Amino acid sequence: MSKGPVLIELEGEPPARPEAAPMVLDPGRREEAPEAGRAMAKALKLAGRRPSRLGRWFWGLALSLTLTIAGLAAWDCAWALVARVPLLGWAVTAGLAALVVV
């Protein structure tokens, strides 16, 4: 089919460089506006402060409950597998135990 790469030479002046293009101005944005960046500064201030004690308790309890439910479901699944297919069930139980140890 093809015998090798093909080089196509273009005649004329070289294409314009992106660095030479004039800067595009955004008519809706004013750099000197006093409110420029206010939303980001407020978001950084809110994100940077320490969360409230009630919020920390809520997220800690929510995470604990979620992990407890997931752990019990995994353990119940492993024991159900031990009842159905003992060899595979014990392998999964050993894997869960290794995961807890590590």
N, C-alpha and C. Protein backbone atom coordinates (compact mmCIF):
# COMPACT_ATOMS: atom_id res chain seq x y z
N MET A 1 0.82 -1.18 0.00
CA MET A 1 0.00 0.00 0.00
C MET A 1 0.87 1.25 0.00
N SER A 2 1.29 1.66 1.17
CA SER A 2 2.13 2.85 1.27
C SER A 2 3.58 2.42 1.38
N LYS A 3 4.42 3.15 0.71
CA LYS A 3 5.84 2.79 0.70
C LYS A 3 6.62 3.49 1.81
N GLY A 4 6.03 4.48 2.43
CA GLY A 4 6.73 5.20 3.49
C GLY A 4 6.06 6.53 3.76
N PRO A 5 6.64 7.33 4.64
CA PRO A 5 6.05 8.62 4.95
C PRO A 5 6.10 9.56 3.75
N VAL A 6 5.12 10.44 3.69
CA VAL A 6 5.03 11.42 2.61
C VAL A 6 5.21 12.80 3.21
N LEU A 7 6.05 13.62 2.62
CA LEU A 7 6.29 14.98 3.08
C LEU A 7 5.60 15.94 2.13
N ILE A 8 4.72 16.76 2.67
CA ILE A 8 4.02 17.76 1.86
C ILE A 8 4.60 19.11 2.23
N GLU A 9 5.22 19.76 1.30
CA GLU A 9 5.82 21.07 1.55
C GLU A 9 4.81 22.15 1.20
N LEU A 10 4.62 23.09 2.11
CA LEU A 10 3.71 24.21 1.89
C LEU A 10 4.50 25.42 1.44
N GLU A 11 3.97 26.10 0.45
CA GLU A 11 4.65 27.30 -0.04
C GLU A 11 4.01 28.53 0.58
N GLY A 12 4.74 29.60 0.65
CA GLY A 12 4.23 30.85 1.20
C GLY A 12 4.86 31.14 2.54
N GLU A 13 4.29 32.11 3.23
CA GLU A 13 4.86 32.51 4.52
C GLU A 13 4.45 31.53 5.61
N PRO A 14 5.27 31.41 6.64
CA PRO A 14 4.94 30.46 7.72
C PRO A 14 3.69 30.92 8.48
N PRO A 15 2.99 29.99 9.12
CA PRO A 15 1.79 30.38 9.86
C PRO A 15 2.13 31.29 11.04
N ALA A 16 1.13 32.06 11.45
CA ALA A 16 1.32 33.00 12.56
C ALA A 16 1.52 32.24 13.87
N ARG A 17 2.35 32.78 14.74
CA ARG A 17 2.62 32.17 16.03
C ARG A 17 1.55 32.61 17.03
N PRO A 18 1.14 31.75 17.96
CA PRO A 18 0.14 32.13 18.95
C PRO A 18 0.60 33.27 19.85
N GLU A 19 1.91 33.36 20.09
CA GLU A 19 2.41 34.43 20.97
C GLU A 19 2.21 35.80 20.34
N ALA A 20 2.12 35.86 19.02
CA ALA A 20 2.00 37.15 18.34
C ALA A 20 0.56 37.63 18.28
N ALA A 21 -0.39 36.80 18.63
CA ALA A 21 -1.80 37.19 18.56
C ALA A 21 -2.11 38.22 19.64
N PRO A 22 -3.00 39.18 19.33
CA PRO A 22 -3.37 40.18 20.35
C PRO A 22 -4.22 39.53 21.44
N MET A 23 -4.16 40.08 22.64
CA MET A 23 -4.90 39.56 23.78
C MET A 23 -6.39 39.84 23.59
N VAL A 24 -7.23 38.86 23.89
CA VAL A 24 -8.67 39.02 23.76
C VAL A 24 -9.20 39.58 25.08
N LEU A 25 -9.91 40.67 25.00
CA LEU A 25 -10.46 41.31 26.20
C LEU A 25 -11.86 40.80 26.45
N ASP A 26 -12.17 40.55 27.70
CA ASP A 26 -13.50 40.11 28.09
C ASP A 26 -14.28 41.33 28.54
N PRO A 27 -15.33 41.73 27.79
CA PRO A 27 -16.05 42.96 28.14
C PRO A 27 -16.81 42.86 29.46
N GLY A 28 -17.17 41.66 29.91
CA GLY A 28 -17.94 41.53 31.15
C GLY A 28 -17.09 41.50 32.40
N ARG A 29 -15.79 41.48 32.26
CA ARG A 29 -14.92 41.37 33.44
C ARG A 29 -14.14 42.66 33.64
N ARG A 30 -14.16 43.12 34.88
CA ARG A 30 -13.39 44.32 35.21
C ARG A 30 -12.40 43.95 36.29
N GLU A 31 -11.14 44.11 35.99
CA GLU A 31 -10.10 43.74 36.94
C GLU A 31 -10.07 44.66 38.16
N GLU A 32 -10.47 45.89 37.96
CA GLU A 32 -10.37 46.84 39.07
C GLU A 32 -11.60 46.82 39.98
N ALA A 33 -12.57 45.94 39.71
CA ALA A 33 -13.77 45.88 40.53
C ALA A 33 -13.43 45.40 41.94
N PRO A 34 -13.98 46.04 42.97
CA PRO A 34 -13.66 45.64 44.34
C PRO A 34 -14.19 44.25 44.70
N GLU A 35 -15.25 43.79 44.03
CA GLU A 35 -15.80 42.48 44.37
C GLU A 35 -15.11 41.34 43.62
N ALA A 36 -14.13 41.65 42.81
CA ALA A 36 -13.42 40.61 42.07
C ALA A 36 -12.68 39.69 43.04
N GLY A 37 -13.02 38.41 43.01
CA GLY A 37 -12.37 37.43 43.88
C GLY A 37 -12.99 37.32 45.26
N ARG A 38 -14.05 38.02 45.53
CA ARG A 38 -14.66 38.00 46.86
C ARG A 38 -15.25 36.62 47.16
N ALA A 39 -15.89 36.01 46.16
CA ALA A 39 -16.50 34.70 46.39
C ALA A 39 -15.44 33.64 46.70
N MET A 40 -14.34 33.70 45.97
CA MET A 40 -13.27 32.72 46.22
C MET A 40 -12.64 32.95 47.59
N ALA A 41 -12.47 34.20 47.96
CA ALA A 41 -11.90 34.49 49.28
C ALA A 41 -12.82 33.99 50.39
N LYS A 42 -14.13 34.14 50.19
CA LYS A 42 -15.08 33.67 51.20
C LYS A 42 -15.08 32.14 51.26
N ALA A 43 -15.00 31.49 50.09
CA ALA A 43 -14.96 30.02 50.07
C ALA A 43 -13.70 29.51 50.76
N LEU A 44 -12.58 30.16 50.53
CA LEU A 44 -11.34 29.75 51.19
C LEU A 44 -11.41 29.96 52.69
N LYS A 45 -12.05 31.04 53.10
CA LYS A 45 -12.18 31.31 54.53
C LYS A 45 -13.06 30.26 55.20
N LEU A 46 -14.17 29.88 54.53
CA LEU A 46 -15.07 28.87 55.09
C LEU A 46 -14.40 27.49 55.11
N ALA A 47 -13.68 27.16 54.05
CA ALA A 47 -13.04 25.85 53.98
C ALA A 47 -11.84 25.75 54.92
N GLY A 48 -11.21 26.86 55.21
CA GLY A 48 -10.01 26.84 56.03
C GLY A 48 -10.26 26.78 57.51
N ARG A 49 -11.45 27.14 57.93
CA ARG A 49 -11.71 27.13 59.37
C ARG A 49 -12.04 25.73 59.86
N ARG A 50 -11.88 25.54 61.14
CA ARG A 50 -12.14 24.23 61.76
C ARG A 50 -13.66 24.01 61.80
N PRO A 51 -14.13 22.79 61.44
CA PRO A 51 -15.57 22.53 61.47
C PRO A 51 -16.10 22.55 62.90
N SER A 52 -17.40 22.77 63.01
CA SER A 52 -18.00 22.84 64.34
C SER A 52 -17.98 21.47 65.01
N ARG A 53 -18.12 21.47 66.31
CA ARG A 53 -18.10 20.22 67.07
C ARG A 53 -19.28 19.33 66.68
N LEU A 54 -20.44 19.94 66.47
CA LEU A 54 -21.62 19.17 66.08
C LEU A 54 -21.41 18.52 64.71
N GLY A 55 -20.81 19.26 63.79
CA GLY A 55 -20.53 18.71 62.47
C GLY A 55 -19.54 17.56 62.52
N ARG A 56 -18.50 17.72 63.35
CA ARG A 56 -17.52 16.63 63.49
C ARG A 56 -18.16 15.39 64.10
N TRP A 57 -19.04 15.58 65.10
CA TRP A 57 -19.74 14.45 65.69
C TRP A 57 -20.64 13.77 64.66
N PHE A 58 -21.35 14.58 63.88
CA PHE A 58 -22.25 14.02 62.87
C PHE A 58 -21.49 13.17 61.87
N TRP A 59 -20.41 13.72 61.30
CA TRP A 59 -19.67 12.97 60.28
C TRP A 59 -18.95 11.77 60.87
N GLY A 60 -18.48 11.88 62.10
CA GLY A 60 -17.85 10.73 62.75
C GLY A 60 -18.83 9.60 62.98
N LEU A 61 -20.02 9.95 63.48
CA LEU A 61 -21.04 8.92 63.72
C LEU A 61 -21.56 8.34 62.42
N ALA A 62 -21.73 9.18 61.40
CA ALA A 62 -22.20 8.69 60.10
C ALA A 62 -21.18 7.71 59.50
N LEU A 63 -19.91 8.04 59.59
CA LEU A 63 -18.87 7.15 59.07
C LEU A 63 -18.81 5.85 59.87
N SER A 64 -18.94 5.95 61.18
CA SER A 64 -18.91 4.75 62.03
C SER A 64 -20.08 3.82 61.70
N LEU A 65 -21.26 4.39 61.55
CA LEU A 65 -22.43 3.59 61.23
C LEU A 65 -22.30 2.93 59.86
N THR A 66 -21.82 3.69 58.89
CA THR A 66 -21.65 3.15 57.53
C THR A 66 -20.64 2.01 57.52
N LEU A 67 -19.51 2.19 58.20
CA LEU A 67 -18.50 1.14 58.24
C LEU A 67 -18.99 -0.09 59.01
N THR A 68 -19.78 0.12 60.05
CA THR A 68 -20.33 -1.01 60.80
C THR A 68 -21.27 -1.83 59.94
N ILE A 69 -22.15 -1.13 59.22
CA ILE A 69 -23.10 -1.84 58.35
C ILE A 69 -22.36 -2.58 57.24
N ALA A 70 -21.36 -1.95 56.64
CA ALA A 70 -20.60 -2.60 55.57
C ALA A 70 -19.82 -3.80 56.12
N GLY A 71 -19.25 -3.67 57.29
CA GLY A 71 -18.51 -4.78 57.89
C GLY A 71 -19.41 -5.96 58.23
N LEU A 72 -20.58 -5.66 58.81
CA LEU A 72 -21.51 -6.74 59.14
C LEU A 72 -22.03 -7.43 57.88
N ALA A 73 -22.27 -6.67 56.84
CA ALA A 73 -22.73 -7.27 55.58
C ALA A 73 -21.65 -8.17 54.99
N ALA A 74 -20.40 -7.73 55.03
CA ALA A 74 -19.31 -8.54 54.50
C ALA A 74 -19.13 -9.81 55.33
N TRP A 75 -19.22 -9.68 56.65
CA TRP A 75 -19.05 -10.84 57.53
C TRP A 75 -20.19 -11.84 57.33
N ASP A 76 -21.42 -11.34 57.20
CA ASP A 76 -22.57 -12.21 56.97
C ASP A 76 -22.44 -12.91 55.62
N CYS A 77 -21.95 -12.20 54.62
CA CYS A 77 -21.73 -12.81 53.30
C CYS A 77 -20.69 -13.92 53.39
N ALA A 78 -19.63 -13.69 54.13
CA ALA A 78 -18.58 -14.70 54.27
C ALA A 78 -19.11 -15.94 54.97
N TRP A 79 -19.90 -15.76 56.05
CA TRP A 79 -20.42 -16.92 56.78
C TRP A 79 -21.48 -17.65 55.97
N ALA A 80 -22.25 -16.93 55.17
CA ALA A 80 -23.21 -17.60 54.29
C ALA A 80 -22.47 -18.43 53.24
N LEU A 81 -21.33 -17.91 52.79
CA LEU A 81 -20.52 -18.65 51.83
C LEU A 81 -19.88 -19.88 52.47
N VAL A 82 -19.53 -19.78 53.75
CA VAL A 82 -19.00 -20.94 54.48
C VAL A 82 -20.07 -22.03 54.55
N ALA A 83 -21.32 -21.64 54.74
CA ALA A 83 -22.41 -22.62 54.83
C ALA A 83 -22.66 -23.29 53.48
N ARG A 84 -22.53 -22.53 52.39
CA ARG A 84 -22.80 -23.09 51.05
C ARG A 84 -21.61 -23.83 50.47
N VAL A 85 -20.47 -23.16 50.40
CA VAL A 85 -19.26 -23.74 49.82
C VAL A 85 -18.15 -23.53 50.85
N PRO A 86 -17.92 -24.52 51.71
CA PRO A 86 -17.00 -24.31 52.84
C PRO A 86 -15.59 -23.86 52.46
N LEU A 87 -15.01 -24.44 51.44
CA LEU A 87 -13.64 -24.08 51.08
C LEU A 87 -13.55 -22.62 50.64
N LEU A 88 -14.46 -22.22 49.77
CA LEU A 88 -14.47 -20.84 49.30
C LEU A 88 -14.83 -19.88 50.43
N GLY A 89 -15.76 -20.29 51.28
CA GLY A 89 -16.16 -19.45 52.41
C GLY A 89 -15.02 -19.19 53.37
N TRP A 90 -14.24 -20.23 53.67
CA TRP A 90 -13.10 -20.04 54.57
C TRP A 90 -12.03 -19.18 53.92
N ALA A 91 -11.89 -19.29 52.61
CA ALA A 91 -10.91 -18.45 51.91
C ALA A 91 -11.32 -16.98 51.99
N VAL A 92 -12.60 -16.71 51.80
CA VAL A 92 -13.09 -15.33 51.90
C VAL A 92 -12.98 -14.84 53.34
N THR A 93 -13.28 -15.68 54.31
CA THR A 93 -13.15 -15.30 55.72
C THR A 93 -11.71 -14.98 56.06
N ALA A 94 -10.79 -15.78 55.56
CA ALA A 94 -9.36 -15.51 55.79
C ALA A 94 -8.96 -14.19 55.13
N GLY A 95 -9.48 -13.92 53.96
CA GLY A 95 -9.18 -12.65 53.30
C GLY A 95 -9.71 -11.46 54.09
N LEU A 96 -10.93 -11.58 54.62
CA LEU A 96 -11.48 -10.50 55.45
C LEU A 96 -10.67 -10.32 56.73
N ALA A 97 -10.26 -11.42 57.34
CA ALA A 97 -9.45 -11.33 58.55
C ALA A 97 -8.11 -10.67 58.25
N ALA A 98 -7.50 -11.03 57.12
CA ALA A 98 -6.23 -10.40 56.73
C ALA A 98 -6.41 -8.91 56.48
N LEU A 99 -7.54 -8.55 55.90
CA LEU A 99 -7.82 -7.13 55.66
C LEU A 99 -7.96 -6.36 56.97
N VAL A 100 -8.60 -6.99 57.95
CA VAL A 100 -8.76 -6.34 59.26
C VAL A 100 -7.41 -6.20 59.96
N VAL A 101 -6.57 -7.22 59.87
CA VAL A 101 -5.26 -7.20 60.53
C VAL A 101 -4.36 -6.13 59.93
N VAL A 102 -4.39 -6.04 58.62
CA VAL A 102 -3.52 -5.06 57.94
C VAL A 102 -4.13 -3.71 58.15
